[in-house]
N, C-alpha and C. Protein backbone atom coordinates (compact mmCIF):
# COMPACT_ATOMS: atom_id res chain seq x y z
N MET A 1 -95.77 -191.01 108.66
CA MET A 1 -94.66 -190.42 107.56
C MET A 1 -95.73 -189.08 106.14
N TYR A 2 -96.38 -190.37 106.17
CA TYR A 2 -96.89 -189.76 104.43
C TYR A 2 -98.23 -188.65 104.85
N TYR A 3 -98.48 -188.58 105.66
CA TYR A 3 -99.25 -187.85 106.21
C TYR A 3 -98.40 -186.34 106.59
N LEU A 4 -97.28 -186.33 107.38
CA LEU A 4 -96.62 -184.88 107.68
C LEU A 4 -95.85 -185.13 106.25
N MET A 5 -95.09 -185.50 105.25
CA MET A 5 -94.46 -184.85 103.93
C MET A 5 -95.93 -184.48 103.10
N ASN A 6 -96.99 -184.54 103.24
CA ASN A 6 -98.30 -183.78 102.92
C ASN A 6 -98.77 -183.02 103.12
N ARG A 7 -98.77 -182.97 104.53
CA ARG A 7 -99.00 -181.75 105.53
C ARG A 7 -97.82 -180.67 105.24
N MET A 8 -96.54 -180.88 105.38
CA MET A 8 -94.94 -180.26 105.04
C MET A 8 -95.79 -179.55 103.15
N PHE A 9 -96.01 -180.67 102.00
CA PHE A 9 -95.75 -179.67 101.14
C PHE A 9 -96.84 -178.95 100.83
N PHE A 10 -98.27 -178.84 101.86
CA PHE A 10 -98.95 -177.93 101.49
C PHE A 10 -98.69 -177.01 102.41
N LEU A 11 -97.97 -176.86 103.35
CA LEU A 11 -97.86 -175.50 104.10
C LEU A 11 -96.51 -174.84 103.44
N LEU A 12 -95.43 -175.85 102.64
CA LEU A 12 -94.20 -175.11 102.06
C LEU A 12 -95.91 -174.67 100.77
N THR A 13 -96.40 -174.55 99.49
CA THR A 13 -96.60 -174.17 98.79
C THR A 13 -98.23 -173.47 99.20
N LEU A 14 -98.49 -173.22 100.63
CA LEU A 14 -99.52 -171.80 100.51
C LEU A 14 -98.16 -170.78 101.03
N GLY A 15 -97.06 -171.71 102.17
CA GLY A 15 -96.21 -170.44 102.09
C GLY A 15 -96.06 -169.44 101.03
N THR A 16 -95.49 -170.17 99.63
CA THR A 16 -94.88 -169.70 98.96
C THR A 16 -95.97 -169.37 97.86
N LEU A 17 -97.57 -169.00 97.79
CA LEU A 17 -98.46 -168.72 96.80
C LEU A 17 -98.50 -167.27 98.38
N CYS A 18 -98.83 -167.22 99.25
CA CYS A 18 -98.84 -166.20 100.44
C CYS A 18 -97.93 -165.25 100.24
N PHE A 19 -96.57 -165.34 100.04
CA PHE A 19 -95.73 -164.93 100.83
C PHE A 19 -95.16 -164.74 99.66
N GLY A 20 -94.89 -165.34 97.69
CA GLY A 20 -94.54 -165.33 97.08
C GLY A 20 -94.64 -164.05 95.84
N THR A 21 -96.56 -163.49 96.00
CA THR A 21 -96.93 -162.76 95.92
C THR A 21 -97.06 -160.80 96.52
N VAL A 22 -96.24 -161.34 97.21
CA VAL A 22 -95.96 -159.81 98.29
C VAL A 22 -95.35 -158.74 97.52
N HIS A 23 -95.10 -157.78 97.14
CA HIS A 23 -94.16 -156.81 96.65
C HIS A 23 -93.81 -155.99 97.34
N ALA A 24 -92.63 -155.62 97.45
CA ALA A 24 -92.25 -154.28 98.40
C ALA A 24 -93.21 -153.45 97.64
N GLN A 25 -93.46 -151.93 98.64
CA GLN A 25 -93.88 -150.71 98.25
C GLN A 25 -92.77 -150.08 98.94
N SER A 26 -92.91 -148.93 98.21
CA SER A 26 -91.82 -148.18 98.45
C SER A 26 -92.50 -146.78 98.75
N VAL A 27 -91.48 -146.03 99.81
CA VAL A 27 -92.04 -144.58 100.37
C VAL A 27 -91.43 -143.63 98.90
N ILE A 28 -92.05 -142.57 99.26
CA ILE A 28 -91.00 -141.47 98.35
C ILE A 28 -90.37 -140.35 99.29
N LYS A 29 -89.09 -140.67 99.87
CA LYS A 29 -88.16 -140.02 100.69
C LYS A 29 -87.68 -138.61 100.58
N SER A 30 -88.16 -138.29 99.11
CA SER A 30 -87.67 -136.87 98.58
C SER A 30 -88.07 -136.53 97.54
N ALA A 31 -88.22 -135.32 96.76
CA ALA A 31 -88.73 -134.74 95.96
C ALA A 31 -88.28 -133.31 95.91
N ASP A 32 -87.47 -133.56 94.37
CA ASP A 32 -87.45 -132.36 93.61
C ASP A 32 -88.24 -131.73 92.72
N ILE A 33 -88.88 -130.67 92.60
CA ILE A 33 -90.18 -130.09 92.22
C ILE A 33 -89.51 -128.91 91.18
N SER A 34 -89.19 -128.36 89.58
CA SER A 34 -89.05 -127.47 89.58
C SER A 34 -89.82 -126.90 87.80
N PHE A 35 -89.82 -125.67 87.68
CA PHE A 35 -91.58 -124.81 87.21
C PHE A 35 -90.97 -124.28 85.72
N VAL A 36 -91.11 -123.87 84.30
CA VAL A 36 -91.06 -123.09 84.22
C VAL A 36 -92.00 -122.47 83.75
N PHE A 37 -92.55 -121.10 83.52
CA PHE A 37 -93.83 -120.49 83.19
C PHE A 37 -93.07 -119.55 81.61
N ALA A 38 -93.39 -120.62 80.65
CA ALA A 38 -92.77 -120.75 78.95
C ALA A 38 -93.19 -119.65 78.56
N SER A 39 -94.29 -118.77 78.69
CA SER A 39 -94.15 -117.06 77.96
C SER A 39 -93.07 -116.48 78.50
N LYS A 40 -92.59 -116.46 79.71
CA LYS A 40 -91.47 -115.20 80.60
C LYS A 40 -90.53 -116.30 80.06
N ASP A 41 -90.41 -117.26 80.32
CA ASP A 41 -89.17 -117.92 80.24
C ASP A 41 -88.96 -117.66 82.27
N VAL A 42 -89.76 -117.82 82.96
CA VAL A 42 -89.24 -117.59 84.04
C VAL A 42 -88.91 -119.23 85.18
N GLU A 43 -88.59 -119.24 85.92
CA GLU A 43 -87.85 -120.73 86.34
C GLU A 43 -88.18 -120.85 87.92
N GLY A 44 -88.52 -121.52 88.02
CA GLY A 44 -88.61 -121.56 90.17
C GLY A 44 -88.47 -123.02 90.10
N THR A 45 -89.23 -123.13 91.47
CA THR A 45 -88.89 -124.47 93.02
C THR A 45 -90.01 -124.57 93.34
N ILE A 46 -90.51 -125.38 93.99
CA ILE A 46 -91.21 -125.25 95.30
C ILE A 46 -91.37 -126.36 95.75
N GLY A 47 -91.58 -126.41 97.07
CA GLY A 47 -91.21 -127.06 98.16
C GLY A 47 -92.16 -127.86 99.09
N GLY A 48 -91.99 -128.15 100.08
CA GLY A 48 -92.73 -128.54 101.98
C GLY A 48 -92.83 -129.89 100.69
N PHE A 49 -92.58 -130.14 100.09
CA PHE A 49 -92.95 -131.67 100.32
C PHE A 49 -93.29 -132.35 100.68
N GLN A 50 -94.85 -133.18 100.90
CA GLN A 50 -95.51 -134.29 101.82
C GLN A 50 -95.93 -135.35 101.14
N SER A 51 -95.66 -136.44 101.67
CA SER A 51 -95.79 -137.85 100.80
C SER A 51 -96.87 -138.19 101.60
N GLU A 52 -98.12 -139.17 101.32
CA GLU A 52 -98.60 -140.24 101.50
C GLU A 52 -98.58 -141.83 100.25
N SER A 53 -97.78 -141.41 99.79
CA SER A 53 -97.43 -142.21 98.53
C SER A 53 -97.04 -143.62 99.09
N ALA A 54 -97.29 -144.71 97.67
CA ALA A 54 -96.69 -145.69 97.92
C ALA A 54 -96.74 -146.67 96.77
N VAL A 55 -95.65 -146.60 96.15
CA VAL A 55 -95.58 -147.31 95.03
C VAL A 55 -94.88 -149.25 94.43
N ASP A 56 -95.44 -149.31 94.79
CA ASP A 56 -94.71 -151.11 94.22
C ASP A 56 -94.14 -150.93 92.85
N LEU A 57 -93.33 -150.96 92.45
CA LEU A 57 -92.82 -150.91 90.58
C LEU A 57 -92.82 -152.12 90.05
N GLU A 58 -93.21 -153.04 91.17
CA GLU A 58 -92.99 -154.40 90.46
C GLU A 58 -94.98 -154.63 89.86
N GLN A 59 -95.16 -153.90 90.51
CA GLN A 59 -97.33 -153.98 90.49
C GLN A 59 -97.50 -152.87 90.54
N LEU A 60 -97.76 -152.15 89.51
CA LEU A 60 -98.47 -150.84 89.84
C LEU A 60 -99.66 -150.64 89.98
N ALA A 61 -100.39 -151.31 89.57
CA ALA A 61 -101.76 -151.51 89.99
C ALA A 61 -102.03 -151.02 91.11
N ASN A 62 -100.93 -151.78 92.12
CA ASN A 62 -101.23 -151.28 93.68
C ASN A 62 -100.24 -149.91 93.82
N SER A 63 -100.30 -149.03 93.27
CA SER A 63 -99.78 -147.92 94.02
C SER A 63 -100.07 -146.75 94.07
N GLN A 64 -100.12 -146.13 94.50
CA GLN A 64 -100.94 -144.73 94.75
C GLN A 64 -99.39 -143.44 95.00
N PHE A 65 -100.07 -142.24 94.00
CA PHE A 65 -98.88 -141.22 94.21
C PHE A 65 -100.20 -140.42 95.09
N THR A 66 -99.52 -139.66 96.06
CA THR A 66 -100.46 -138.26 96.78
C THR A 66 -99.36 -137.60 97.37
N GLY A 67 -99.94 -136.62 97.06
CA GLY A 67 -99.09 -135.93 98.05
C GLY A 67 -99.13 -133.86 98.00
N SER A 68 -98.65 -133.04 98.30
CA SER A 68 -98.42 -131.97 98.26
C SER A 68 -97.44 -131.10 98.49
N VAL A 69 -97.55 -129.88 98.56
CA VAL A 69 -96.63 -128.71 98.30
C VAL A 69 -96.53 -127.47 98.70
N THR A 70 -96.24 -126.87 100.04
CA THR A 70 -96.48 -125.60 100.00
C THR A 70 -95.83 -124.76 98.85
N VAL A 71 -97.04 -123.24 99.06
CA VAL A 71 -97.04 -122.44 98.32
C VAL A 71 -95.99 -121.05 98.78
N GLU A 72 -96.12 -121.60 100.12
CA GLU A 72 -95.27 -119.97 100.74
C GLU A 72 -93.99 -120.82 100.12
N SER A 73 -93.37 -121.86 100.06
CA SER A 73 -91.95 -122.28 99.23
C SER A 73 -91.65 -121.78 97.76
N LEU A 74 -92.51 -121.55 97.45
CA LEU A 74 -92.31 -121.06 95.91
C LEU A 74 -91.34 -120.09 95.52
N SER A 75 -90.12 -120.76 94.47
CA SER A 75 -89.39 -119.59 94.38
C SER A 75 -88.63 -119.82 92.88
N THR A 76 -88.95 -118.11 92.46
CA THR A 76 -87.62 -117.82 91.29
C THR A 76 -86.72 -117.06 91.39
N GLY A 77 -86.38 -116.69 91.94
CA GLY A 77 -84.81 -116.26 92.59
C GLY A 77 -84.89 -114.63 92.67
N ASN A 78 -86.62 -114.37 92.84
CA ASN A 78 -87.29 -112.47 92.27
C ASN A 78 -87.51 -112.81 93.74
N PHE A 79 -87.01 -112.02 94.23
CA PHE A 79 -87.95 -111.47 96.13
C PHE A 79 -89.52 -111.08 95.59
N LEU A 80 -89.56 -109.97 94.52
CA LEU A 80 -90.70 -109.40 94.56
C LEU A 80 -91.18 -109.95 93.60
N ARG A 81 -90.91 -110.92 92.63
CA ARG A 81 -92.05 -111.53 91.42
C ARG A 81 -92.51 -112.97 92.82
N ASP A 82 -91.90 -113.61 93.16
CA ASP A 82 -91.99 -114.53 94.59
C ASP A 82 -93.47 -113.78 95.64
N TRP A 83 -92.91 -112.77 96.04
CA TRP A 83 -94.02 -112.18 96.86
C TRP A 83 -95.51 -111.82 96.00
N SER A 84 -95.15 -111.54 95.14
CA SER A 84 -96.04 -111.39 94.31
C SER A 84 -97.27 -112.48 93.57
N LEU A 85 -96.05 -113.56 93.19
CA LEU A 85 -96.57 -114.87 92.85
C LEU A 85 -97.58 -115.59 94.40
N LYS A 86 -97.23 -115.04 95.35
CA LYS A 86 -97.44 -115.75 96.86
C LYS A 86 -99.23 -115.19 96.95
N SER A 87 -99.10 -113.77 96.08
CA SER A 87 -100.25 -112.59 96.91
C SER A 87 -101.61 -113.84 96.89
N SER A 88 -102.44 -112.96 96.79
CA SER A 88 -104.02 -112.65 96.74
C SER A 88 -104.29 -112.86 95.35
N LYS A 89 -103.39 -112.16 94.42
CA LYS A 89 -103.99 -112.07 93.03
C LYS A 89 -103.33 -112.84 92.39
N TYR A 90 -102.39 -114.45 93.39
CA TYR A 90 -102.33 -115.45 92.09
C TYR A 90 -102.58 -116.92 92.88
N PHE A 91 -101.79 -117.16 93.57
CA PHE A 91 -101.85 -118.56 94.35
C PHE A 91 -102.13 -118.19 95.55
N ASP A 92 -102.31 -117.11 96.55
CA ASP A 92 -103.19 -116.54 97.74
C ASP A 92 -102.87 -118.26 98.55
N LYS A 93 -101.62 -117.70 99.21
CA LYS A 93 -100.63 -118.41 99.72
C LYS A 93 -101.24 -118.86 101.12
N ASP A 94 -102.55 -117.59 101.70
CA ASP A 94 -102.98 -117.24 102.84
C ASP A 94 -104.09 -118.10 102.47
N GLU A 95 -104.78 -118.16 101.81
CA GLU A 95 -106.27 -118.88 102.04
C GLU A 95 -105.79 -120.01 101.56
N TYR A 96 -104.98 -120.43 100.24
CA TYR A 96 -104.52 -121.94 99.54
C TYR A 96 -102.80 -122.39 100.24
N PRO A 97 -102.57 -122.46 101.21
CA PRO A 97 -100.91 -122.66 101.40
C PRO A 97 -100.65 -124.14 101.10
N ASP A 98 -101.47 -124.97 100.73
CA ASP A 98 -101.47 -125.89 99.82
C ASP A 98 -101.59 -126.47 98.55
N ILE A 99 -100.72 -126.84 98.10
CA ILE A 99 -100.26 -127.51 96.18
C ILE A 99 -100.63 -129.08 96.30
N ARG A 100 -102.26 -129.98 96.04
CA ARG A 100 -102.20 -131.19 96.52
C ARG A 100 -102.41 -131.84 94.84
N PHE A 101 -101.53 -132.88 95.08
CA PHE A 101 -102.55 -134.33 93.98
C PHE A 101 -103.04 -135.36 94.17
N GLN A 102 -102.93 -136.77 93.89
CA GLN A 102 -104.18 -137.88 94.26
C GLN A 102 -104.11 -138.44 92.33
N SER A 103 -103.54 -139.43 92.53
CA SER A 103 -104.01 -140.47 91.39
C SER A 103 -104.33 -140.48 91.32
N THR A 104 -105.03 -141.20 90.47
CA THR A 104 -106.77 -141.85 90.01
C THR A 104 -106.21 -143.41 88.90
N LYS A 105 -105.52 -143.10 87.87
CA LYS A 105 -104.57 -144.36 87.70
C LYS A 105 -103.34 -144.24 86.83
N ILE A 106 -102.63 -145.25 87.52
CA ILE A 106 -101.38 -145.84 87.29
C ILE A 106 -101.42 -146.79 85.88
N ILE A 107 -100.42 -145.98 84.63
CA ILE A 107 -100.21 -147.25 84.04
C ILE A 107 -99.21 -147.16 83.34
N GLU A 108 -98.29 -149.01 83.32
CA GLU A 108 -97.20 -149.28 82.98
C GLU A 108 -96.78 -148.68 81.08
N GLN A 109 -95.78 -148.44 81.01
CA GLN A 109 -95.43 -148.00 79.10
C GLN A 109 -94.97 -148.31 78.95
N ASP A 110 -94.09 -148.59 77.51
CA ASP A 110 -92.98 -149.26 77.04
C ASP A 110 -92.33 -147.99 77.28
N ASN A 111 -92.16 -147.02 77.07
CA ASN A 111 -91.04 -145.96 78.07
C ASN A 111 -91.21 -144.84 79.15
N GLY A 112 -92.16 -145.68 79.92
CA GLY A 112 -92.33 -145.50 81.13
C GLY A 112 -93.97 -145.76 82.11
N ILE A 113 -93.67 -144.61 82.85
CA ILE A 113 -95.04 -144.63 84.00
C ILE A 113 -95.64 -143.70 83.28
N LEU A 114 -97.21 -143.87 83.17
CA LEU A 114 -98.67 -142.44 83.22
C LEU A 114 -98.99 -142.54 84.39
N VAL A 115 -99.17 -141.89 85.16
CA VAL A 115 -99.34 -141.64 86.40
C VAL A 115 -100.53 -140.05 86.05
N SER A 116 -102.28 -140.25 86.33
CA SER A 116 -102.80 -139.63 85.61
C SER A 116 -103.29 -139.74 87.60
N GLY A 117 -104.22 -138.55 87.75
CA GLY A 117 -104.70 -137.86 88.92
C GLY A 117 -105.50 -136.44 88.89
N ASP A 118 -105.73 -135.91 90.14
CA ASP A 118 -106.44 -134.68 90.39
C ASP A 118 -105.51 -134.06 91.10
N LEU A 119 -105.12 -132.62 90.26
CA LEU A 119 -104.53 -131.56 91.00
C LEU A 119 -104.86 -130.47 91.32
N LYS A 120 -104.95 -130.22 92.60
CA LYS A 120 -105.54 -129.21 93.39
C LYS A 120 -104.88 -127.96 93.73
N ILE A 121 -105.00 -126.88 93.12
CA ILE A 121 -104.81 -125.28 92.88
C ILE A 121 -105.47 -124.16 93.94
N LYS A 122 -105.24 -123.95 94.64
CA LYS A 122 -106.15 -122.57 94.77
C LYS A 122 -107.65 -124.29 95.51
N ASN A 123 -108.62 -123.37 94.82
CA ASN A 123 -110.07 -124.45 94.82
C ASN A 123 -110.25 -124.98 94.06
N THR A 124 -109.36 -125.13 92.83
CA THR A 124 -109.66 -125.83 91.70
C THR A 124 -109.32 -127.42 91.31
N SER A 125 -110.23 -128.44 90.88
CA SER A 125 -109.24 -129.46 90.71
C SER A 125 -109.35 -129.89 89.20
N ARG A 126 -108.22 -129.99 88.61
CA ARG A 126 -108.08 -130.78 87.21
C ARG A 126 -107.40 -132.34 87.17
N GLU A 127 -107.78 -132.90 86.52
CA GLU A 127 -107.18 -134.12 86.14
C GLU A 127 -105.43 -133.76 85.34
N ILE A 128 -104.52 -134.42 85.42
CA ILE A 128 -103.85 -133.78 84.90
C ILE A 128 -102.78 -135.30 84.66
N SER A 129 -101.99 -135.59 83.83
CA SER A 129 -100.96 -136.72 83.55
C SER A 129 -99.81 -136.31 83.41
N ILE A 130 -99.47 -137.34 84.41
CA ILE A 130 -97.45 -137.22 84.25
C ILE A 130 -96.74 -137.99 83.80
N ASN A 131 -95.96 -138.25 82.90
CA ASN A 131 -95.08 -138.83 82.41
C ASN A 131 -93.53 -139.61 83.08
N PHE A 132 -93.81 -140.35 83.43
CA PHE A 132 -92.48 -140.63 84.72
C PHE A 132 -91.50 -141.76 83.99
N GLN A 133 -90.32 -141.46 83.74
CA GLN A 133 -89.36 -142.58 83.26
C GLN A 133 -88.54 -142.68 84.72
N ARG A 134 -88.11 -143.98 84.54
CA ARG A 134 -87.49 -144.86 86.06
C ARG A 134 -85.73 -145.02 85.98
N GLU A 135 -85.09 -144.90 86.19
CA GLU A 135 -83.84 -144.97 86.48
C GLU A 135 -83.40 -145.53 88.10
N GLY A 136 -83.62 -146.83 88.47
CA GLY A 136 -83.62 -147.41 89.84
C GLY A 136 -84.43 -147.07 90.56
N LYS A 137 -83.73 -146.40 91.53
CA LYS A 137 -85.03 -145.57 92.96
C LYS A 137 -85.18 -144.26 92.47
N LYS A 138 -85.14 -143.71 90.92
CA LYS A 138 -85.65 -141.93 91.10
C LYS A 138 -86.40 -142.53 89.91
N LEU A 139 -87.23 -141.46 90.09
CA LEU A 139 -88.67 -141.32 89.03
C LEU A 139 -88.18 -140.40 88.48
N THR A 140 -88.29 -139.32 87.22
CA THR A 140 -88.31 -138.43 86.25
C THR A 140 -89.47 -137.90 85.77
N GLY A 141 -90.48 -137.57 86.65
CA GLY A 141 -92.02 -137.02 85.43
C GLY A 141 -91.87 -135.26 85.14
N THR A 142 -92.86 -135.65 83.99
CA THR A 142 -92.68 -134.13 83.67
C THR A 142 -94.21 -134.24 83.22
N THR A 143 -95.04 -132.62 83.28
CA THR A 143 -96.53 -132.46 82.91
C THR A 143 -96.32 -131.05 82.29
N ALA A 144 -97.14 -130.68 81.87
CA ALA A 144 -97.40 -128.98 81.51
C ALA A 144 -99.16 -128.80 82.35
N VAL A 145 -99.61 -127.58 82.76
CA VAL A 145 -100.92 -127.06 82.97
C VAL A 145 -100.68 -126.06 82.14
N TYR A 146 -101.77 -125.41 81.80
CA TYR A 146 -101.87 -123.43 82.44
C TYR A 146 -102.66 -122.88 83.91
N SER A 147 -101.86 -122.57 84.22
CA SER A 147 -102.46 -121.29 85.42
C SER A 147 -103.66 -121.38 85.04
N SER A 148 -104.02 -120.65 84.15
CA SER A 148 -105.50 -119.86 84.14
C SER A 148 -105.62 -120.85 84.36
N ASP A 149 -106.01 -122.06 83.83
CA ASP A 149 -106.90 -123.50 84.32
C ASP A 149 -107.86 -123.38 86.28
N PHE A 150 -106.47 -122.76 86.77
CA PHE A 150 -106.42 -122.98 88.37
C PHE A 150 -107.36 -121.20 88.86
N GLY A 151 -106.93 -120.65 87.61
CA GLY A 151 -107.30 -119.00 88.38
C GLY A 151 -106.71 -118.30 88.66
N ILE A 152 -105.68 -119.40 88.05
CA ILE A 152 -103.81 -118.05 88.49
C ILE A 152 -103.77 -117.39 86.99
N ASP A 153 -103.74 -116.19 86.38
CA ASP A 153 -104.14 -115.55 85.14
C ASP A 153 -103.11 -114.72 85.03
N ILE A 154 -101.99 -114.95 84.87
CA ILE A 154 -100.50 -114.30 84.94
C ILE A 154 -100.60 -113.68 83.57
N LYS A 155 -101.30 -114.24 82.50
CA LYS A 155 -101.16 -113.25 81.19
C LYS A 155 -103.01 -113.55 80.77
N LYS A 156 -102.86 -112.84 79.76
CA LYS A 156 -104.98 -112.52 79.45
C LYS A 156 -104.37 -114.11 78.54
N LYS A 157 -104.08 -114.61 77.61
CA LYS A 157 -104.47 -115.69 77.11
C LYS A 157 -104.02 -116.98 77.97
N ARG A 158 -104.86 -117.84 77.11
CA ARG A 158 -104.25 -118.87 78.02
C ARG A 158 -103.67 -120.02 77.88
N GLU A 159 -102.88 -120.08 76.24
CA GLU A 159 -101.68 -120.48 76.02
C GLU A 159 -100.88 -119.95 76.26
N ASP A 160 -100.97 -118.52 76.67
CA ASP A 160 -99.62 -117.31 77.23
C ASP A 160 -99.13 -117.50 78.93
N ASN A 161 -100.52 -118.84 79.64
CA ASN A 161 -100.33 -119.43 81.14
C ASN A 161 -99.40 -120.81 81.20
N LEU A 162 -98.93 -121.18 79.72
CA LEU A 162 -98.19 -122.54 80.17
C LEU A 162 -97.15 -122.76 81.08
N VAL A 163 -97.27 -123.96 81.94
CA VAL A 163 -96.43 -124.11 83.44
C VAL A 163 -95.95 -125.58 82.76
N GLU A 164 -94.58 -125.50 82.33
CA GLU A 164 -93.81 -127.14 82.44
C GLU A 164 -93.21 -127.31 83.87
N ILE A 165 -93.36 -128.66 83.69
CA ILE A 165 -93.31 -128.97 85.67
C ILE A 165 -92.16 -130.42 85.42
N THR A 166 -91.46 -130.04 85.92
CA THR A 166 -90.23 -131.34 86.33
C THR A 166 -90.59 -131.87 87.52
N ILE A 167 -90.73 -133.07 87.89
CA ILE A 167 -90.65 -133.95 89.31
C ILE A 167 -89.60 -134.91 89.21
N ILE A 168 -88.38 -134.42 90.15
CA ILE A 168 -87.61 -135.68 90.69
C ILE A 168 -88.30 -136.65 91.59
N LEU A 169 -88.36 -137.78 91.79
CA LEU A 169 -88.89 -138.52 93.12
C LEU A 169 -88.17 -139.59 93.38
N MET A 170 -87.22 -139.23 94.26
CA MET A 170 -86.60 -140.21 94.91
C MET A 170 -87.40 -141.11 96.19
N LEU A 171 -87.42 -142.68 95.52
CA LEU A 171 -87.74 -143.88 96.53
C LEU A 171 -86.55 -144.16 97.61
N GLU A 172 -87.43 -144.68 98.82
CA GLU A 172 -86.35 -145.55 100.05
C GLU A 172 -86.47 -146.77 98.58
């Protein structure tokens, strides 16, 4: 009897240790991505979102943000401007159909989550950081990039190529 009780206690303890540390990882089920070309006050959206992300809100170190959007889906509400932006002069959708992001570091902060990683537009990768706020299963992130850093020179001066980006992710 003593042996059986010790064995049960051991199994219960082992089970608690093994399964008690398992955290549910969420996947991103949808994303709404909008942007503003600051110097031109031009707003738009981009879609075609695909993600291989795994988000563990309890242990962020176990998370990974990986995804892409399609240049073809870029929309500013002006057909001619969209056509021009998608052309070889700017985003070159035929040669570079996707914009990709891969996280390299995720840090929980007092005011949210900081996700750093590599953003690849055309054939250029740059490290960026996205500040996310969490509301339940919704993550809202903001960042800013200069399109000229990716070979997309809308204006001549770098500071005039600022693009402010907002990302709303819905987790399952």
